[in-house]
N, C-alpha and C. Protein backbone atom coordinates (compact mmCIF):
# COMPACT_ATOMS: atom_id res chain seq x y z
N MET A 1 -0.46 16.54 30.90
CA MET A 1 -1.57 16.62 32.03
C MET A 1 -2.02 18.26 31.64
N ALA A 2 -3.29 18.51 31.96
CA ALA A 2 -4.01 19.63 31.54
C ALA A 2 -3.66 20.57 32.74
N VAL A 3 -3.52 21.94 31.96
CA VAL A 3 -3.45 23.23 32.66
C VAL A 3 -4.74 23.72 33.36
N GLU A 4 -4.58 24.59 34.30
CA GLU A 4 -5.93 24.65 34.77
C GLU A 4 -6.45 26.16 33.62
N ASN A 5 -7.63 26.17 33.42
CA ASN A 5 -7.71 27.28 32.68
C ASN A 5 -8.54 28.38 33.20
N LEU A 6 -8.50 29.27 32.99
CA LEU A 6 -9.04 31.12 33.50
C LEU A 6 -10.42 30.76 33.66
N ASN A 7 -11.01 30.65 34.88
CA ASN A 7 -12.38 30.07 35.67
C ASN A 7 -12.19 31.32 36.30
N LYS A 8 -13.69 31.40 36.79
CA LYS A 8 -14.27 32.51 37.21
C LYS A 8 -13.62 32.93 38.57
N GLU A 9 -13.35 31.61 39.08
CA GLU A 9 -12.61 31.40 40.57
C GLU A 9 -11.54 32.28 40.77
N ASN A 10 -10.55 31.69 39.83
CA ASN A 10 -8.83 31.82 39.78
C ASN A 10 -8.45 33.02 38.75
N PHE A 11 -9.48 33.67 38.07
CA PHE A 11 -8.75 34.84 37.13
C PHE A 11 -10.10 35.99 36.99
N TRP A 12 -11.06 35.80 35.91
CA TRP A 12 -12.30 36.49 35.79
C TRP A 12 -13.12 36.91 37.07
N ASP A 13 -13.40 36.71 38.34
CA ASP A 13 -14.13 37.48 38.80
C ASP A 13 -12.54 38.35 39.84
N ASP A 14 -11.86 38.43 39.70
CA ASP A 14 -10.73 39.31 40.14
C ASP A 14 -10.59 40.28 38.95
N LEU A 15 -10.11 39.63 37.87
CA LEU A 15 -9.94 40.87 36.92
C LEU A 15 -10.96 41.59 36.68
N HIS A 16 -12.21 41.37 36.82
CA HIS A 16 -13.54 42.03 36.73
C HIS A 16 -13.62 42.97 37.69
N LYS A 17 -12.77 42.46 39.18
CA LYS A 17 -13.29 44.16 39.93
C LYS A 17 -12.29 44.79 39.61
N ARG A 18 -11.19 44.38 38.95
CA ARG A 18 -9.99 45.25 38.77
C ARG A 18 -9.98 46.17 37.60
N PHE A 19 -11.18 45.80 36.31
CA PHE A 19 -11.14 46.26 35.09
C PHE A 19 -12.51 45.77 34.88
N PRO A 20 -13.12 46.36 35.42
CA PRO A 20 -14.94 46.10 35.11
C PRO A 20 -15.11 46.50 33.58
N GLU A 21 -15.02 47.99 33.32
CA GLU A 21 -15.36 48.29 31.86
C GLU A 21 -14.64 47.52 30.68
N ALA A 22 -13.45 46.61 30.77
CA ALA A 22 -12.73 46.30 29.90
C ALA A 22 -13.18 44.53 30.33
N VAL A 23 -13.74 44.21 30.93
CA VAL A 23 -13.96 42.93 31.18
C VAL A 23 -15.42 42.41 30.56
N ASP A 24 -16.15 43.84 30.77
CA ASP A 24 -17.55 43.94 30.44
C ASP A 24 -17.69 44.03 28.75
N HIS A 25 -16.71 44.57 28.00
CA HIS A 25 -16.33 44.51 26.94
C HIS A 25 -16.18 43.72 26.36
N PHE A 26 -15.32 42.63 26.80
CA PHE A 26 -15.16 41.48 26.44
C PHE A 26 -16.11 40.46 26.63
N CYS A 27 -17.04 40.43 27.59
CA CYS A 27 -18.03 39.73 27.61
C CYS A 27 -19.03 39.93 26.57
N LYS A 28 -18.93 41.18 26.50
CA LYS A 28 -20.16 41.41 25.41
C LYS A 28 -19.71 41.39 23.91
N TRP A 29 -18.25 41.02 23.11
CA TRP A 29 -17.62 40.90 22.35
C TRP A 29 -17.73 38.81 22.53
N ILE A 30 -17.81 38.22 23.46
CA ILE A 30 -17.86 36.79 23.90
C ILE A 30 -19.29 36.56 23.37
N ASP A 31 -20.41 37.01 23.76
CA ASP A 31 -21.65 36.99 23.48
C ASP A 31 -21.91 36.97 21.83
N ASP A 32 -21.59 37.87 21.31
CA ASP A 32 -21.32 38.17 19.69
C ASP A 32 -20.43 37.04 19.14
N TYR A 33 -19.25 36.38 19.63
CA TYR A 33 -18.51 35.32 19.04
C TYR A 33 -19.42 34.19 19.31
N LYS A 34 -19.89 33.82 20.33
CA LYS A 34 -20.34 32.99 20.58
C LYS A 34 -21.95 32.33 19.32
N GLN A 35 -22.06 33.47 19.07
CA GLN A 35 -23.44 33.43 17.93
C GLN A 35 -23.22 33.18 16.51
N GLU A 36 -21.61 33.94 16.46
CA GLU A 36 -20.83 33.76 15.11
C GLU A 36 -20.76 32.37 15.02
N VAL A 37 -19.81 31.80 15.62
CA VAL A 37 -19.45 30.28 15.76
C VAL A 37 -20.28 29.39 15.89
N GLY A 38 -21.66 29.71 15.90
CA GLY A 38 -22.44 28.59 16.85
C GLY A 38 -22.27 27.54 18.05
N TRP A 39 -22.00 28.39 18.98
CA TRP A 39 -21.00 27.93 20.19
C TRP A 39 -22.12 26.58 20.65
N ASN A 40 -23.15 27.10 20.67
CA ASN A 40 -24.47 25.57 21.42
C ASN A 40 -24.38 24.59 20.41
N ASN A 41 -23.82 24.86 19.35
CA ASN A 41 -23.93 23.71 18.44
C ASN A 41 -22.31 22.82 18.21
N ILE A 42 -21.51 23.49 18.99
CA ILE A 42 -20.34 23.06 19.36
C ILE A 42 -20.01 22.42 20.59
N PHE A 43 -20.64 23.08 21.63
CA PHE A 43 -20.68 22.55 22.94
C PHE A 43 -22.17 22.63 23.20
N LYS A 44 -22.25 21.44 24.39
CA LYS A 44 -23.08 21.46 24.92
C LYS A 44 -23.98 22.48 25.83
N GLU A 45 -25.01 22.72 25.69
CA GLU A 45 -26.08 23.68 26.43
C GLU A 45 -25.26 24.48 27.87
N GLY A 46 -25.14 25.19 27.98
CA GLY A 46 -24.65 25.96 29.76
C GLY A 46 -23.42 25.96 29.32
N VAL A 47 -22.40 25.44 28.61
CA VAL A 47 -20.92 25.60 28.45
C VAL A 47 -20.31 26.89 28.56
N LYS A 48 -19.99 27.33 29.38
CA LYS A 48 -19.39 29.22 29.38
C LYS A 48 -17.84 29.07 28.48
N PHE A 49 -17.56 30.29 28.04
CA PHE A 49 -16.06 30.33 27.98
C PHE A 49 -15.13 30.14 29.24
N HIS A 50 -15.69 30.39 30.23
CA HIS A 50 -14.78 29.91 31.21
C HIS A 50 -14.67 28.46 31.41
N ASP A 51 -15.37 27.67 31.00
CA ASP A 51 -15.43 26.07 31.57
C ASP A 51 -14.31 25.81 30.46
N VAL A 52 -13.94 26.01 28.94
CA VAL A 52 -13.36 25.29 28.13
C VAL A 52 -12.07 25.30 28.71
N PRO A 53 -10.95 24.20 27.97
CA PRO A 53 -9.79 24.38 27.95
C PRO A 53 -8.68 25.81 27.74
N LEU A 54 -7.62 25.91 28.14
CA LEU A 54 -7.15 27.37 27.91
C LEU A 54 -6.86 27.16 27.19
N GLU A 55 -6.51 25.96 26.31
CA GLU A 55 -5.86 26.10 25.06
C GLU A 55 -7.38 26.85 24.05
N LEU A 56 -8.26 26.34 24.37
CA LEU A 56 -9.29 27.17 23.41
C LEU A 56 -9.43 28.28 23.74
N GLN A 57 -9.23 29.12 25.49
CA GLN A 57 -9.25 30.35 25.57
C GLN A 57 -8.48 31.25 24.98
N ASN A 58 -7.24 30.34 25.10
CA ASN A 58 -6.06 31.25 24.53
C ASN A 58 -5.85 31.71 23.01
N GLY A 59 -6.91 30.61 22.03
CA GLY A 59 -7.25 31.07 20.93
C GLY A 59 -8.09 32.11 20.69
N ILE A 60 -9.17 31.93 21.49
CA ILE A 60 -10.33 32.82 21.49
C ILE A 60 -9.99 34.34 21.91
N ILE A 61 -9.13 34.37 22.76
CA ILE A 61 -8.74 35.78 23.40
C ILE A 61 -7.77 36.30 22.44
N ALA A 62 -6.94 35.74 21.71
CA ALA A 62 -6.31 35.76 20.96
C ALA A 62 -6.58 36.68 19.80
N ARG A 63 -7.86 35.78 19.39
CA ARG A 63 -8.88 36.49 18.19
C ARG A 63 -9.01 38.16 18.89
N TYR A 64 -9.44 38.05 19.75
CA TYR A 64 -10.02 39.34 20.94
C TYR A 64 -9.38 40.28 20.63
N GLU A 65 -7.94 39.92 20.85
CA GLU A 65 -6.71 40.95 21.18
C GLU A 65 -6.68 41.25 19.54
N LEU A 66 -6.41 40.41 18.47
CA LEU A 66 -6.24 41.08 17.09
C LEU A 66 -7.61 42.07 16.58
N GLU A 67 -8.77 41.13 16.90
CA GLU A 67 -9.94 42.54 15.98
C GLU A 67 -9.80 43.84 16.65
N LEU A 68 -9.35 43.56 18.43
CA LEU A 68 -9.48 44.95 19.09
C LEU A 68 -8.07 45.77 18.92
N PHE A 69 -6.91 45.22 18.65
CA PHE A 69 -5.85 46.26 18.64
C PHE A 69 -5.42 46.36 17.23
N HIS A 70 -6.24 45.71 16.06
CA HIS A 70 -6.17 46.06 14.69
C HIS A 70 -7.06 46.32 13.87
N ASN A 71 -7.82 47.39 15.00
CA ASN A 71 -9.26 47.70 14.75
C ASN A 71 -8.79 49.04 14.01
N ALA A 72 -7.56 49.64 13.53
CA ALA A 72 -8.15 50.92 12.58
C ALA A 72 -9.20 51.35 11.85
N GLU A 73 -9.76 52.58 12.10
CA GLU A 73 -10.88 52.72 11.34
C GLU A 73 -11.70 51.66 11.01
N GLY A 74 -12.02 51.13 12.46
CA GLY A 74 -13.12 49.78 12.85
C GLY A 74 -13.10 48.83 11.50
N LYS A 75 -11.80 48.27 11.50
CA LYS A 75 -11.73 47.15 10.48
C LYS A 75 -10.88 45.94 11.17
N GLY A 76 -11.03 46.00 12.89
CA GLY A 76 -10.14 44.90 13.34
C GLY A 76 -10.79 43.75 12.71
N LYS A 77 -11.73 43.12 12.83
CA LYS A 77 -12.49 41.91 11.90
C LYS A 77 -11.85 41.54 10.80
N GLU A 78 -11.70 42.65 10.14
CA GLU A 78 -11.43 42.18 8.52
C GLU A 78 -9.72 41.60 8.73
N ALA A 79 -9.12 42.35 9.60
CA ALA A 79 -7.90 42.64 9.93
C ALA A 79 -7.47 40.66 10.42
N TYR A 80 -8.21 40.40 11.23
CA TYR A 80 -8.30 39.31 12.27
C TYR A 80 -8.33 37.64 11.31
N GLU A 81 -9.72 38.31 10.05
CA GLU A 81 -10.06 37.35 8.97
C GLU A 81 -9.04 37.26 8.15
N ALA A 82 -7.98 38.42 7.73
CA ALA A 82 -6.84 38.45 6.61
C ALA A 82 -5.83 37.29 7.45
N ILE A 83 -5.48 37.59 9.08
CA ILE A 83 -4.28 37.23 9.75
C ILE A 83 -4.69 35.32 9.82
N ALA A 84 -6.15 35.33 9.81
CA ALA A 84 -6.32 33.84 10.21
C ALA A 84 -6.34 33.17 8.76
N ALA A 85 -6.94 33.56 7.52
CA ALA A 85 -6.71 33.06 6.08
C ALA A 85 -4.69 32.87 5.96
N GLU A 86 -3.83 33.83 7.10
CA GLU A 86 -2.91 33.40 6.47
C GLU A 86 -2.37 32.10 7.25
N TYR A 87 -3.17 32.29 8.34
CA TYR A 87 -2.29 30.78 9.84
C TYR A 87 -3.07 29.43 9.03
N LYS A 88 -3.67 29.21 7.74
CA LYS A 88 -3.75 28.24 7.27
C LYS A 88 -2.33 27.54 6.69
N ASN A 89 -1.64 28.56 6.24
CA ASN A 89 -0.74 28.56 5.02
C ASN A 89 0.65 27.77 6.85
N HIS A 90 0.42 28.56 7.77
CA HIS A 90 1.62 28.42 8.71
C HIS A 90 1.27 26.91 9.60
N VAL A 91 0.22 26.79 9.35
CA VAL A 91 -0.32 25.34 9.78
C VAL A 91 0.21 24.27 8.75
N ASN A 92 -0.26 24.58 7.58
CA ASN A 92 0.43 23.69 7.02
C ASN A 92 1.53 23.15 6.83
N SER A 93 2.61 24.41 6.96
CA SER A 93 4.27 24.35 7.19
C SER A 93 4.59 23.31 8.11
N ILE A 94 3.80 23.58 9.49
CA ILE A 94 4.16 22.87 10.06
C ILE A 94 3.97 21.25 10.11
N PHE A 95 3.36 21.06 9.68
CA PHE A 95 3.15 19.63 9.19
C PHE A 95 3.87 19.32 7.96
N GLN A 96 4.10 20.01 6.98
CA GLN A 96 5.26 19.82 6.12
C GLN A 96 6.28 19.32 6.96
N ASP A 97 6.87 20.40 7.64
CA ASP A 97 7.92 20.27 8.28
C ASP A 97 8.20 18.89 9.12
N ILE A 98 7.15 18.48 9.66
CA ILE A 98 6.91 17.17 10.44
C ILE A 98 6.95 15.84 9.49
N GLN A 99 6.45 16.05 8.42
CA GLN A 99 6.53 15.08 7.37
C GLN A 99 8.20 14.83 6.88
N LYS A 100 8.22 15.80 6.68
CA LYS A 100 10.41 15.97 6.20
C LYS A 100 11.04 15.08 7.10
N LYS A 101 10.35 15.74 8.34
CA LYS A 101 11.28 14.80 9.49
C LYS A 101 11.31 13.01 9.83
N ASN A 102 10.01 12.82 9.43
CA ASN A 102 9.62 11.53 9.72
C ASN A 102 9.67 10.91 10.93
N ILE A 103 8.82 11.72 11.69
CA ILE A 103 8.81 12.03 13.13
C ILE A 103 7.60 10.67 13.39
N PRO A 104 8.11 9.63 14.30
CA PRO A 104 7.23 8.31 14.32
C PRO A 104 5.72 8.73 14.91
N THR A 105 5.13 8.03 14.38
CA THR A 105 4.00 8.01 14.76
C THR A 105 3.17 6.97 15.77
N GLY A 106 1.90 6.63 16.03
CA GLY A 106 1.37 5.69 16.53
C GLY A 106 1.33 5.63 17.85
N PRO A 107 0.87 4.42 18.77
CA PRO A 107 0.60 4.26 20.27
C PRO A 107 1.78 4.43 21.14
N ASN A 108 3.22 4.03 20.12
CA ASN A 108 4.26 3.98 20.77
C ASN A 108 5.24 5.00 20.74
N ALA A 109 5.17 5.97 19.89
CA ALA A 109 5.76 7.03 19.42
C ALA A 109 6.20 7.98 20.92
């Protein structure tokens, strides 16, 4: 079951009305983010942030939040990069635990 994403109609338009400067800040950040990650090479042309699934939005907003709130002395991006590097170890642990538990795989799992 897909969960509805945060699209213009159900979220962003209202958020912008209530917090225009904050949303404008995010819009500028997301434009920079898209260039950094090669958004148009990942998605077909014209795909906007508010078009992608909630799970993708969640991860991107998490990065925005980490950079914003860990921005002591202008080092938010570096703080995010350190956290992201550690995240690889966390994901590794998840798969290690799954392997140990012998969780069934395959089409009928």
